[in-house]
C-alpha cells in the first residue's frame, strides 16, 4: 500500500509540474498621451450684436451671420454702417493641429435663449450659426465666429435687450 501511495504521489507531482510547464506569459506595454486641455473664451468686446432695429407692426426676424452680414424680414434695419451688427468672436485653444467640434444653443421651451429688455419685455434668439462645422487648432489656437436669428415681436418695446448663450467645444 505504501508503494501504491508513493507512486500516486509521484504521479500527481509529475502531472502538476507538467501543467505548470504548459503555461506561458506575454507582456504588453501600456501608454497614454495627455493633450492640452481644450478651452474657449469670448474675445473681449466681441459680443453678438443685432444692431439698431425698428419693429414694423408685424413680427419679424433679424439675422446676423457668422460673417457679420445682417438681413431682416418685417424689421427695419437702422445704422447699416457695419459697426452696429457683428457675430460673436471666440478663441479656442488646445492641442496643436487637433480637430474640435462646436455645439451651439438650440431654442426650446425648457431653455430658450432670451434677451430681456425694458419692463421685462423679451425676444428670443435661435438658429445659431458658426464660421465652420468644426475647427483645427493650427498652432494651438483658432478663431470661431457665431451668428444667430433674433425673433422680433410685432409691438416690440423700445429699448436695449441683453441675454447670453453658451458655446461648447470638444475634441473630435
N, C-alpha and C. Protein backbone atom coordinates (compact mmCIF):
# COMPACT_ATOMS: atom_id res chain seq x y z
N UNK A 1 0.81 -1.18 0.00
CA UNK A 1 0.00 0.00 0.00
C UNK A 1 0.87 1.27 0.00
N UNK A 2 1.98 1.18 0.72
CA UNK A 2 2.88 2.33 0.74
C UNK A 2 3.44 2.61 -0.64
N UNK A 3 3.77 1.52 -1.36
CA UNK A 3 4.32 1.70 -2.70
C UNK A 3 3.28 2.35 -3.61
N UNK A 4 2.06 1.92 -3.48
CA UNK A 4 0.99 2.47 -4.29
C UNK A 4 0.77 3.96 -3.97
N UNK A 5 0.79 4.30 -2.71
CA UNK A 5 0.63 5.69 -2.29
C UNK A 5 1.79 6.54 -2.80
N UNK A 6 3.02 5.99 -2.73
CA UNK A 6 4.18 6.73 -3.20
C UNK A 6 4.12 6.94 -4.71
N UNK A 7 3.67 5.92 -5.44
CA UNK A 7 3.54 6.04 -6.89
C UNK A 7 2.47 7.07 -7.27
N UNK A 8 1.38 7.08 -6.55
CA UNK A 8 0.31 8.06 -6.83
C UNK A 8 0.79 9.48 -6.53
N UNK A 9 1.52 9.64 -5.45
CA UNK A 9 2.04 10.96 -5.10
C UNK A 9 3.03 11.43 -6.15
N UNK A 10 3.89 10.54 -6.62
CA UNK A 10 4.86 10.90 -7.66
C UNK A 10 4.13 11.27 -8.95
N UNK A 11 3.07 10.55 -9.25
CA UNK A 11 2.28 10.86 -10.45
C UNK A 11 1.62 12.23 -10.37
N UNK A 12 1.10 12.57 -9.21
CA UNK A 12 0.49 13.89 -9.02
C UNK A 12 1.52 14.99 -9.18
N UNK A 13 2.72 14.78 -8.62
CA UNK A 13 3.78 15.78 -8.73
C UNK A 13 4.19 15.96 -10.18
N UNK A 14 4.36 14.87 -10.90
CA UNK A 14 4.74 14.95 -12.30
C UNK A 14 3.62 15.58 -13.14
N UNK A 15 2.40 15.24 -12.84
CA UNK A 15 1.26 15.82 -13.58
C UNK A 15 1.15 17.32 -13.30
N UNK A 16 1.32 17.73 -12.07
CA UNK A 16 1.23 19.15 -11.71
C UNK A 16 2.35 19.93 -12.35
N UNK A 17 3.56 19.37 -12.37
CA UNK A 17 4.67 20.11 -12.99
C UNK A 17 4.50 20.16 -14.50
N UNK A 18 3.87 19.16 -15.06
CA UNK A 18 3.59 19.17 -16.49
C UNK A 18 2.61 20.27 -16.86
N UNK A 19 1.62 20.50 -16.00
CA UNK A 19 0.66 21.58 -16.26
C UNK A 19 1.34 22.94 -16.12
N UNK A 20 2.20 23.09 -15.17
CA UNK A 20 2.88 24.35 -14.96
C UNK A 20 3.78 24.66 -16.14
N UNK A 21 4.34 23.67 -16.76
CA UNK A 21 5.23 23.89 -17.89
C UNK A 21 4.44 24.29 -19.14
N UNK A 22 3.14 23.97 -19.20
CA UNK A 22 2.34 24.28 -20.37
C UNK A 22 1.91 25.75 -20.39
N UNK A 23 1.93 26.47 -19.28
CA UNK A 23 1.52 27.87 -19.23
C UNK A 23 2.63 28.76 -19.76
N UNK A 24 2.24 29.80 -20.48
CA UNK A 24 3.22 30.78 -20.99
C UNK A 24 2.77 32.17 -20.62
N UNK A 25 3.63 33.12 -20.72
CA UNK A 25 3.34 34.51 -20.36
C UNK A 25 3.71 35.43 -21.51
N UNK A 26 2.89 36.47 -21.73
CA UNK A 26 3.20 37.51 -22.71
C UNK A 26 3.02 38.85 -22.02
N UNK A 27 3.76 39.82 -22.46
CA UNK A 27 3.67 41.16 -21.88
C UNK A 27 3.22 42.16 -22.91
N UNK A 28 2.62 43.24 -22.45
CA UNK A 28 2.19 44.34 -23.31
C UNK A 28 2.60 45.65 -22.65
N UNK A 29 2.98 46.61 -23.46
CA UNK A 29 3.25 47.94 -22.92
C UNK A 29 1.93 48.67 -22.76
N UNK A 30 1.87 49.57 -21.85
CA UNK A 30 0.70 50.44 -21.65
C UNK A 30 1.16 51.88 -21.88
N UNK A 31 0.40 52.62 -22.70
CA UNK A 31 0.77 54.00 -22.98
C UNK A 31 -0.45 54.90 -22.84
N UNK A 32 -0.20 56.16 -22.63
CA UNK A 32 -1.24 57.18 -22.60
C UNK A 32 -0.62 58.48 -23.09
N UNK A 33 -1.40 59.26 -23.79
CA UNK A 33 -0.95 60.56 -24.25
C UNK A 33 -1.86 61.62 -23.66
N UNK A 34 -1.30 62.53 -22.93
CA UNK A 34 -2.06 63.62 -22.33
C UNK A 34 -1.94 64.83 -23.25
N UNK A 35 -3.09 65.39 -23.65
CA UNK A 35 -3.08 66.56 -24.53
C UNK A 35 -3.47 67.80 -23.73
N UNK A 36 -3.15 68.94 -24.29
CA UNK A 36 -3.52 70.20 -23.66
C UNK A 36 -5.03 70.28 -23.53
N UNK A 37 -5.54 70.81 -22.43
CA UNK A 37 -6.99 70.95 -22.30
C UNK A 37 -7.55 71.89 -23.37
N UNK A 38 -8.73 71.58 -23.84
CA UNK A 38 -9.41 72.43 -24.81
C UNK A 38 -10.13 73.53 -24.04
N UNK A 39 -10.02 74.75 -24.52
CA UNK A 39 -10.66 75.89 -23.84
C UNK A 39 -11.26 76.82 -24.88
N UNK A 40 -12.29 77.55 -24.46
CA UNK A 40 -12.91 78.56 -25.32
C UNK A 40 -13.16 79.80 -24.47
N UNK A 41 -12.89 80.95 -25.07
CA UNK A 41 -13.13 82.23 -24.37
C UNK A 41 -13.66 83.23 -25.39
N UNK A 42 -14.64 84.02 -24.96
CA UNK A 42 -15.16 85.07 -25.84
C UNK A 42 -14.12 86.18 -25.89
N UNK A 43 -13.84 86.65 -27.09
CA UNK A 43 -12.91 87.76 -27.25
C UNK A 43 -13.52 89.01 -26.64
N UNK A 44 -12.73 89.78 -25.95
CA UNK A 44 -13.20 90.98 -25.28
C UNK A 44 -13.88 91.94 -26.26
N UNK A 45 -15.10 92.33 -25.94
CA UNK A 45 -15.83 93.28 -26.77
C UNK A 45 -16.39 92.70 -28.05
N UNK A 46 -16.31 91.39 -28.23
CA UNK A 46 -16.76 90.76 -29.48
C UNK A 46 -18.05 89.98 -29.28
N UNK A 47 -19.06 90.65 -28.73
CA UNK A 47 -20.36 90.03 -28.49
C UNK A 47 -21.18 89.96 -29.78
N UNK A 48 -22.20 89.11 -29.77
CA UNK A 48 -23.16 89.05 -30.86
C UNK A 48 -24.03 90.30 -30.79
N UNK A 49 -24.03 91.09 -31.87
CA UNK A 49 -24.79 92.35 -31.91
C UNK A 49 -25.74 92.34 -33.10
N UNK A 50 -27.04 92.46 -32.81
CA UNK A 50 -28.03 92.52 -33.88
C UNK A 50 -28.20 93.93 -34.42
N UNK A 51 -27.66 94.91 -33.74
CA UNK A 51 -27.70 96.29 -34.20
C UNK A 51 -29.00 96.99 -33.86
N UNK A 52 -29.14 98.20 -34.38
CA UNK A 52 -30.34 99.00 -34.16
C UNK A 52 -31.40 98.59 -35.16
N UNK A 53 -32.63 98.37 -34.63
CA UNK A 53 -33.73 97.91 -35.47
C UNK A 53 -35.01 98.62 -35.06
N UNK A 54 -36.02 98.53 -35.91
CA UNK A 54 -37.33 99.08 -35.60
C UNK A 54 -38.40 98.06 -35.98
N UNK A 55 -39.26 97.71 -34.99
CA UNK A 55 -40.36 96.79 -35.27
C UNK A 55 -41.34 97.48 -36.21
N UNK A 56 -41.95 96.70 -37.12
CA UNK A 56 -42.79 97.29 -38.16
C UNK A 56 -44.28 97.03 -37.97
N UNK A 57 -44.69 96.50 -36.82
CA UNK A 57 -46.09 96.18 -36.62
C UNK A 57 -46.42 94.75 -37.02
N UNK A 58 -45.45 94.05 -37.57
CA UNK A 58 -45.58 92.64 -37.92
C UNK A 58 -44.37 91.93 -37.34
N UNK A 59 -44.59 90.77 -36.76
CA UNK A 59 -43.46 90.01 -36.22
C UNK A 59 -42.44 89.73 -37.31
N UNK A 60 -41.17 89.73 -36.96
CA UNK A 60 -40.13 89.51 -37.95
C UNK A 60 -38.86 88.98 -37.34
N UNK A 61 -37.81 88.97 -38.14
CA UNK A 61 -36.52 88.46 -37.70
C UNK A 61 -35.38 89.35 -38.17
N UNK A 62 -34.29 89.27 -37.43
CA UNK A 62 -33.02 89.87 -37.84
C UNK A 62 -31.99 88.76 -37.78
N UNK A 63 -31.26 88.57 -38.87
CA UNK A 63 -30.24 87.54 -38.93
C UNK A 63 -28.88 88.20 -39.02
N UNK A 64 -27.98 87.79 -38.13
CA UNK A 64 -26.57 88.18 -38.23
C UNK A 64 -25.80 86.89 -38.48
N UNK A 65 -25.10 86.83 -39.60
CA UNK A 65 -24.36 85.62 -39.95
C UNK A 65 -23.01 85.59 -39.25
N UNK A 66 -22.35 84.44 -39.31
CA UNK A 66 -21.01 84.31 -38.75
C UNK A 66 -20.01 85.18 -39.49
N UNK A 67 -20.40 85.68 -40.67
CA UNK A 67 -19.54 86.57 -41.46
C UNK A 67 -19.91 88.04 -41.24
N UNK A 68 -20.70 88.34 -40.20
CA UNK A 68 -21.10 89.70 -39.82
C UNK A 68 -22.12 90.35 -40.76
N UNK A 69 -22.70 89.61 -41.70
CA UNK A 69 -23.73 90.17 -42.57
C UNK A 69 -25.06 90.19 -41.82
N UNK A 70 -25.89 91.19 -42.11
CA UNK A 70 -27.18 91.33 -41.41
C UNK A 70 -28.30 91.49 -42.43
N UNK A 71 -29.38 90.70 -42.23
CA UNK A 71 -30.57 90.80 -43.06
C UNK A 71 -31.78 90.78 -42.14
N UNK A 72 -32.94 91.13 -42.70
CA UNK A 72 -34.14 91.13 -41.87
C UNK A 72 -35.37 90.75 -42.70
N UNK A 73 -36.41 90.35 -41.96
CA UNK A 73 -37.73 90.11 -42.52
C UNK A 73 -38.71 90.85 -41.63
N UNK A 74 -39.50 91.77 -42.20
CA UNK A 74 -40.50 92.56 -41.48
C UNK A 74 -39.92 93.39 -40.34
N UNK A 75 -38.64 93.70 -40.39
CA UNK A 75 -37.99 94.54 -39.39
C UNK A 75 -37.11 95.53 -40.14
N UNK A 76 -37.18 96.80 -39.75
CA UNK A 76 -36.35 97.81 -40.40
C UNK A 76 -34.98 97.83 -39.73
N UNK A 77 -33.94 97.73 -40.56
CA UNK A 77 -32.57 97.80 -40.06
C UNK A 77 -32.10 99.24 -40.08
N UNK A 78 -31.60 99.72 -38.96
CA UNK A 78 -31.08 101.08 -38.85
C UNK A 78 -29.56 101.01 -38.70
N UNK A 79 -28.87 102.08 -39.05
CA UNK A 79 -27.42 102.16 -38.90
C UNK A 79 -26.73 100.97 -39.55
N UNK A 80 -26.82 100.89 -40.87
CA UNK A 80 -26.20 99.79 -41.61
C UNK A 80 -24.75 100.04 -41.96
N UNK A 81 -24.07 100.87 -41.19
CA UNK A 81 -22.68 101.19 -41.49
C UNK A 81 -21.75 100.01 -41.26
N UNK A 82 -22.24 98.95 -40.64
CA UNK A 82 -21.41 97.78 -40.39
C UNK A 82 -20.88 97.73 -38.97
N UNK A 83 -20.93 98.81 -38.26
CA UNK A 83 -20.43 98.82 -36.89
C UNK A 83 -21.46 98.41 -35.87
N UNK A 84 -22.73 98.44 -36.24
CA UNK A 84 -23.76 98.14 -35.25
C UNK A 84 -24.07 96.66 -35.15
N UNK A 85 -23.74 95.85 -36.17
CA UNK A 85 -24.00 94.42 -36.11
C UNK A 85 -22.68 93.66 -36.17
N UNK A 86 -22.64 92.52 -35.49
CA UNK A 86 -21.43 91.70 -35.52
C UNK A 86 -21.72 90.33 -34.94
N UNK A 87 -21.03 89.34 -35.49
CA UNK A 87 -21.07 88.00 -34.91
C UNK A 87 -20.22 88.00 -33.65
N UNK A 88 -20.52 87.10 -32.73
CA UNK A 88 -19.68 86.92 -31.54
C UNK A 88 -18.39 86.24 -31.99
N UNK A 89 -17.28 86.60 -31.35
CA UNK A 89 -15.99 86.01 -31.70
C UNK A 89 -15.40 85.34 -30.46
N UNK A 90 -14.99 84.09 -30.64
CA UNK A 90 -14.39 83.30 -29.57
C UNK A 90 -13.01 82.83 -30.01
N UNK A 91 -12.13 82.61 -29.05
CA UNK A 91 -10.84 81.99 -29.31
C UNK A 91 -10.83 80.62 -28.66
N UNK A 92 -10.52 79.61 -29.47
CA UNK A 92 -10.44 78.23 -28.99
C UNK A 92 -8.96 77.87 -28.90
N UNK A 93 -8.54 77.30 -27.77
CA UNK A 93 -7.15 76.91 -27.60
C UNK A 93 -7.07 75.46 -27.15
N UNK A 94 -5.96 74.81 -27.52
CA UNK A 94 -5.77 73.42 -27.13
C UNK A 94 -4.56 72.83 -27.83
N UNK A 95 -4.61 71.54 -28.08
CA UNK A 95 -3.50 70.80 -28.67
C UNK A 95 -3.30 71.21 -30.13
N UNK A 96 -2.07 71.54 -30.50
CA UNK A 96 -1.74 71.97 -31.86
C UNK A 96 -2.19 70.93 -32.89
N UNK A 97 -2.85 71.41 -33.92
CA UNK A 97 -3.37 70.62 -35.05
C UNK A 97 -4.51 69.67 -34.69
N UNK A 98 -5.03 69.74 -33.49
CA UNK A 98 -6.18 68.91 -33.12
C UNK A 98 -7.44 69.47 -33.76
N UNK A 99 -8.39 68.58 -34.03
CA UNK A 99 -9.68 68.97 -34.60
C UNK A 99 -10.71 68.98 -33.48
N UNK A 100 -11.58 69.98 -33.48
CA UNK A 100 -12.61 70.08 -32.45
C UNK A 100 -13.97 70.29 -33.09
N UNK A 101 -15.01 69.97 -32.33
CA UNK A 101 -16.38 70.19 -32.79
C UNK A 101 -17.01 71.29 -31.94
N UNK A 102 -18.07 71.88 -32.47
CA UNK A 102 -18.73 73.00 -31.81
C UNK A 102 -20.21 72.66 -31.63
N UNK A 103 -20.73 72.92 -30.44
CA UNK A 103 -22.15 72.76 -30.17
C UNK A 103 -22.72 74.13 -29.83
N UNK A 104 -23.73 74.54 -30.59
CA UNK A 104 -24.37 75.84 -30.39
C UNK A 104 -25.71 75.65 -29.69
N UNK A 105 -26.24 76.71 -29.10
CA UNK A 105 -27.54 76.58 -28.44
C UNK A 105 -28.66 76.29 -29.44
N UNK A 106 -29.68 75.62 -28.94
CA UNK A 106 -30.89 75.43 -29.73
C UNK A 106 -32.05 75.98 -28.91
N UNK A 107 -32.97 76.60 -29.56
CA UNK A 107 -34.11 77.19 -28.88
C UNK A 107 -35.10 76.08 -28.55
N UNK A 108 -35.48 76.00 -27.29
CA UNK A 108 -36.53 75.07 -26.89
C UNK A 108 -37.29 75.67 -25.71
N UNK A 109 -38.40 75.08 -25.37
CA UNK A 109 -39.26 75.65 -24.33
C UNK A 109 -38.65 75.53 -22.94
N UNK A 110 -37.70 74.61 -22.76
CA UNK A 110 -37.10 74.42 -21.45
C UNK A 110 -35.97 75.42 -21.21
N UNK A 111 -35.17 75.68 -22.23
CA UNK A 111 -34.01 76.53 -22.06
C UNK A 111 -33.87 77.49 -23.25
N UNK A 112 -34.79 78.42 -23.40
CA UNK A 112 -34.68 79.34 -24.54
C UNK A 112 -33.55 80.34 -24.34
N UNK A 113 -33.01 80.82 -25.45
CA UNK A 113 -32.03 81.90 -25.39
C UNK A 113 -32.85 83.18 -25.45
N UNK A 114 -32.94 83.86 -24.33
CA UNK A 114 -33.82 85.00 -24.19
C UNK A 114 -33.03 86.28 -23.99
N UNK A 115 -33.42 87.32 -24.71
CA UNK A 115 -32.88 88.66 -24.48
C UNK A 115 -33.97 89.44 -23.77
N UNK A 116 -33.63 90.07 -22.66
CA UNK A 116 -34.60 90.80 -21.85
C UNK A 116 -34.33 92.29 -21.97
N UNK A 117 -35.43 93.05 -22.11
CA UNK A 117 -35.34 94.49 -22.29
C UNK A 117 -36.13 95.24 -21.24
N UNK A 118 -36.59 96.44 -21.59
CA UNK A 118 -37.32 97.28 -20.64
C UNK A 118 -38.63 96.63 -20.18
N UNK A 119 -38.97 96.85 -18.93
CA UNK A 119 -40.20 96.32 -18.33
C UNK A 119 -40.33 94.81 -18.53
N UNK A 120 -39.20 94.11 -18.52
CA UNK A 120 -39.14 92.65 -18.67
C UNK A 120 -39.63 92.15 -20.03
N UNK A 121 -39.68 93.02 -21.03
CA UNK A 121 -40.01 92.59 -22.39
C UNK A 121 -38.91 91.65 -22.87
N UNK A 122 -39.26 90.68 -23.71
CA UNK A 122 -38.27 89.71 -24.17
C UNK A 122 -38.33 89.49 -25.67
N UNK A 123 -37.22 88.99 -26.19
CA UNK A 123 -37.12 88.46 -27.55
C UNK A 123 -36.29 87.19 -27.43
N UNK A 124 -36.45 86.28 -28.38
CA UNK A 124 -35.64 85.07 -28.36
C UNK A 124 -34.68 85.05 -29.55
N UNK A 125 -33.57 84.36 -29.35
CA UNK A 125 -32.59 84.15 -30.42
C UNK A 125 -32.52 82.65 -30.68
N UNK A 126 -32.44 82.29 -31.96
CA UNK A 126 -32.33 80.88 -32.33
C UNK A 126 -31.54 80.75 -33.62
N UNK A 127 -31.55 79.59 -34.21
CA UNK A 127 -30.87 79.30 -35.47
C UNK A 127 -29.44 79.85 -35.44
N UNK A 128 -28.69 79.45 -34.42
CA UNK A 128 -27.31 79.89 -34.30
C UNK A 128 -26.47 79.26 -35.40
N UNK A 129 -25.52 80.01 -35.92
CA UNK A 129 -24.62 79.55 -36.98
C UNK A 129 -23.18 79.79 -36.53
N UNK A 130 -22.26 79.05 -37.13
CA UNK A 130 -20.86 79.18 -36.79
C UNK A 130 -20.03 79.30 -38.05
N UNK A 131 -18.83 79.79 -37.90
CA UNK A 131 -17.98 80.04 -39.05
C UNK A 131 -17.49 78.76 -39.72
N UNK A 132 -17.49 77.63 -39.01
CA UNK A 132 -17.11 76.34 -39.60
C UNK A 132 -17.79 75.23 -38.82
N UNK A 133 -18.04 74.10 -39.49
CA UNK A 133 -18.68 72.96 -38.83
C UNK A 133 -17.80 72.41 -37.71
N UNK A 134 -16.50 72.43 -37.95
CA UNK A 134 -15.53 72.07 -36.92
C UNK A 134 -14.28 72.89 -37.21
N UNK A 135 -13.36 72.87 -36.28
CA UNK A 135 -12.16 73.66 -36.48
C UNK A 135 -10.91 72.85 -36.23
N UNK A 136 -9.80 73.40 -36.67
CA UNK A 136 -8.50 72.81 -36.43
C UNK A 136 -7.65 73.83 -35.69
N UNK A 137 -6.99 73.37 -34.66
CA UNK A 137 -6.19 74.26 -33.82
C UNK A 137 -4.78 74.42 -34.38
N UNK A 138 -4.67 75.14 -35.50
CA UNK A 138 -3.36 75.43 -36.06
C UNK A 138 -2.58 76.23 -35.03
N UNK A 139 -1.41 75.78 -34.72
CA UNK A 139 -0.56 76.42 -33.70
C UNK A 139 -1.26 76.49 -32.34
N UNK A 140 -2.24 75.59 -32.12
CA UNK A 140 -2.91 75.51 -30.82
C UNK A 140 -4.00 76.52 -30.58
N UNK A 141 -4.41 77.27 -31.61
CA UNK A 141 -5.45 78.28 -31.43
C UNK A 141 -6.29 78.41 -32.70
N UNK A 142 -7.54 78.84 -32.54
CA UNK A 142 -8.42 79.04 -33.68
C UNK A 142 -9.46 80.09 -33.31
N UNK A 143 -9.90 80.86 -34.29
CA UNK A 143 -10.97 81.84 -34.08
C UNK A 143 -12.29 81.22 -34.52
N UNK A 144 -13.33 81.43 -33.74
CA UNK A 144 -14.66 80.91 -34.03
C UNK A 144 -15.65 82.07 -33.96
N UNK A 145 -16.45 82.23 -35.01
CA UNK A 145 -17.45 83.30 -35.04
C UNK A 145 -18.84 82.66 -35.02
N UNK A 146 -19.76 83.31 -34.27
CA UNK A 146 -21.12 82.78 -34.11
C UNK A 146 -22.15 83.86 -34.39
N UNK A 147 -23.11 83.55 -35.25
CA UNK A 147 -24.24 84.42 -35.55
C UNK A 147 -25.53 83.75 -35.12
N UNK A 148 -26.67 84.45 -35.30
CA UNK A 148 -27.96 83.88 -34.91
C UNK A 148 -29.09 84.68 -35.53
N UNK A 149 -30.31 84.21 -35.29
CA UNK A 149 -31.52 84.89 -35.72
C UNK A 149 -32.24 85.43 -34.49
N UNK A 150 -32.60 86.71 -34.53
CA UNK A 150 -33.36 87.36 -33.47
C UNK A 150 -34.83 87.42 -33.89
N UNK A 151 -35.72 86.96 -33.02
CA UNK A 151 -37.16 86.97 -33.30
C UNK A 151 -37.77 88.21 -32.65
N UNK A 152 -38.27 89.12 -33.47
CA UNK A 152 -38.78 90.41 -33.01
C UNK A 152 -40.31 90.39 -33.06
N UNK A 153 -40.94 90.79 -31.95
CA UNK A 153 -42.39 90.84 -31.89
C UNK A 153 -42.96 92.00 -32.68
N UNK A 154 -44.22 91.92 -33.03
CA UNK A 154 -44.86 92.96 -33.85
C UNK A 154 -44.93 94.30 -33.11
N UNK A 155 -45.05 94.27 -31.80
CA UNK A 155 -45.12 95.50 -30.99
C UNK A 155 -43.99 95.50 -29.96
N UNK A 156 -42.81 95.15 -30.40
CA UNK A 156 -41.67 95.04 -29.50
C UNK A 156 -41.39 96.39 -28.84
N UNK A 157 -41.27 96.38 -27.51
CA UNK A 157 -40.99 97.61 -26.76
C UNK A 157 -39.62 98.17 -27.13
N UNK A 158 -39.51 99.49 -27.20
CA UNK A 158 -38.25 100.15 -27.50
C UNK A 158 -37.29 100.01 -26.32
N UNK A 159 -36.02 99.90 -26.60
CA UNK A 159 -35.00 99.81 -25.56
C UNK A 159 -33.92 98.82 -25.91
N UNK A 160 -32.99 98.66 -25.02
CA UNK A 160 -31.87 97.74 -25.21
C UNK A 160 -32.20 96.40 -24.58
N UNK A 161 -31.96 95.32 -25.30
CA UNK A 161 -32.22 93.96 -24.85
C UNK A 161 -30.88 93.23 -24.71
N UNK A 162 -30.73 92.46 -23.65
CA UNK A 162 -29.50 91.69 -23.45
C UNK A 162 -29.82 90.27 -23.00
N UNK A 163 -28.94 89.38 -23.31
CA UNK A 163 -29.05 87.99 -22.90
C UNK A 163 -27.71 87.32 -23.15
N UNK A 164 -27.61 86.05 -22.85
CA UNK A 164 -26.36 85.34 -23.07
C UNK A 164 -26.64 83.94 -23.58
N UNK A 165 -25.63 83.34 -24.15
CA UNK A 165 -25.74 81.97 -24.67
C UNK A 165 -24.40 81.29 -24.51
N UNK A 166 -24.43 79.96 -24.51
CA UNK A 166 -23.21 79.17 -24.34
C UNK A 166 -22.82 78.51 -25.65
N UNK A 167 -21.52 78.40 -25.86
CA UNK A 167 -20.95 77.67 -26.98
C UNK A 167 -20.03 76.61 -26.37
N UNK A 168 -20.19 75.37 -26.82
CA UNK A 168 -19.41 74.26 -26.27
C UNK A 168 -18.48 73.71 -27.35
N UNK A 169 -17.23 73.47 -26.98
CA UNK A 169 -16.27 72.85 -27.90
C UNK A 169 -15.78 71.55 -27.27
N UNK A 170 -15.46 70.57 -28.15
CA UNK A 170 -14.96 69.28 -27.67
C UNK A 170 -13.98 68.73 -28.73
N UNK A 171 -12.95 68.07 -28.24
CA UNK A 171 -12.03 67.41 -29.18
C UNK A 171 -12.80 66.33 -29.94
N UNK A 172 -12.48 66.16 -31.22
CA UNK A 172 -13.04 65.06 -32.03
C UNK A 172 -12.24 63.81 -31.77
